[in-house]
Amino acid sequence: MSRTKPSKKPKRQKRARNLSDPKTLSELALRLKEGIYITTLDGEIIDANPAFLEMFGVASLNDLKGHRTSDFVRPEVRAREMALLEREGAVRDVEFQLTRRDGETRTVVDSAFLSVDPKTGEKYCYGILVDITHRKELQTQLLELSIRDPLTGCYNRRYLNTVTRQCEAQPKGEWGCIYLDIDHFKQYNDAHGHPAGDEVLKRVGTVLQEAIQDADFAARYGGEEFFVLMPELRSAGAAAMAARIRQLIAQQQFPGGPVTLSFGVAEFPVNGDSGEALIAAADVALYEAKHAGRDRAAVAHTALPAMAADRRGSG
């Protein structure tokens, strides 16, 4: 009885799992979504994979002929990276923005190493470029969510405290603040309902953001209280800004009828040498405005202790 010899198993193609195999490396470069490139140190693009070409907004390597990387990246940024590359031999996670052929801006991270041709001594940059534009956009959105009040769009109190500390750390100058409160807001809510109250809060937040200067910050301090911080106080002062806000509010059409605000105004260094003292002085001035009949502004003239919160009436 004859025995059939077992068929030989085909040898595994180890080459496909070996990074030293040219075909494997070629497929890797072609299929990776990260940009792989070779350039000279002065920015001439010698070779690049499809992902790199897509980042730059071109269809082929020929479209990049005659161009340098400095045509797409700010020259000083590229020069700084190349100087580091020559000094260290490699760079990692260098973040910068590049401008594509179509004008679109993308944020990328670059990692590269320096290669020297042993025969000619010519230096080349071999690198990998990762497009992180979408990630940066998400980070920006998350940051906005963390520092903004979701109802009014103004900054929240936590972020305002951060900005105030930054103002304190800067060289001493003149800066001011406005502490404002919606008059009789509890009664407004009770009479017209919370949706109408929310609309008032949103409208006040919009007015504040439209009224202030680019360098200023409008925040919802809590409930119906808002705060405007003015790090670069103009000659007109914080009192003039309070008057402008009051005028704009008077022009608004609110769902339940007219709405008025009371204002407490304080300026640095007149009202203390710290953000806490400034806020305390504005707080007391706000109490004085409310005590005098509301719908008005009061200016703090001295640094006062933070005791107004216990004395102010609600609304």
Foldseek 3Di string as FASTA:
>chain_A
DDDDDDDDDDDDDCLCVDPVRPVNVVVCQAPDLKKKFKAFLQFQTDDIYCNNCVVQPHDDSVVCPPHGQCVFFVVVLSNVVSVVQVVPQWDFQRWGWTAHPVRDIWIKTKIWGWDADPPPRGIMIIIIIGTCRVVVVVVVVVVQVVQADVLQRFGEQVVVVVVQVVLLPDPDDKKKKKKKFWPPLVVVCVVPNVVLSSVLSNVLSVLVVVLDDPQKGWYAHDDRMIMIIGSPADPVGPQVSVVVSQVVQQPDDGPVGRIAMEMFMEMPPQAHSGPQQRVLQSLVQSQVCVVVPGRYGGYRRYRDDNPNVVVHDDD
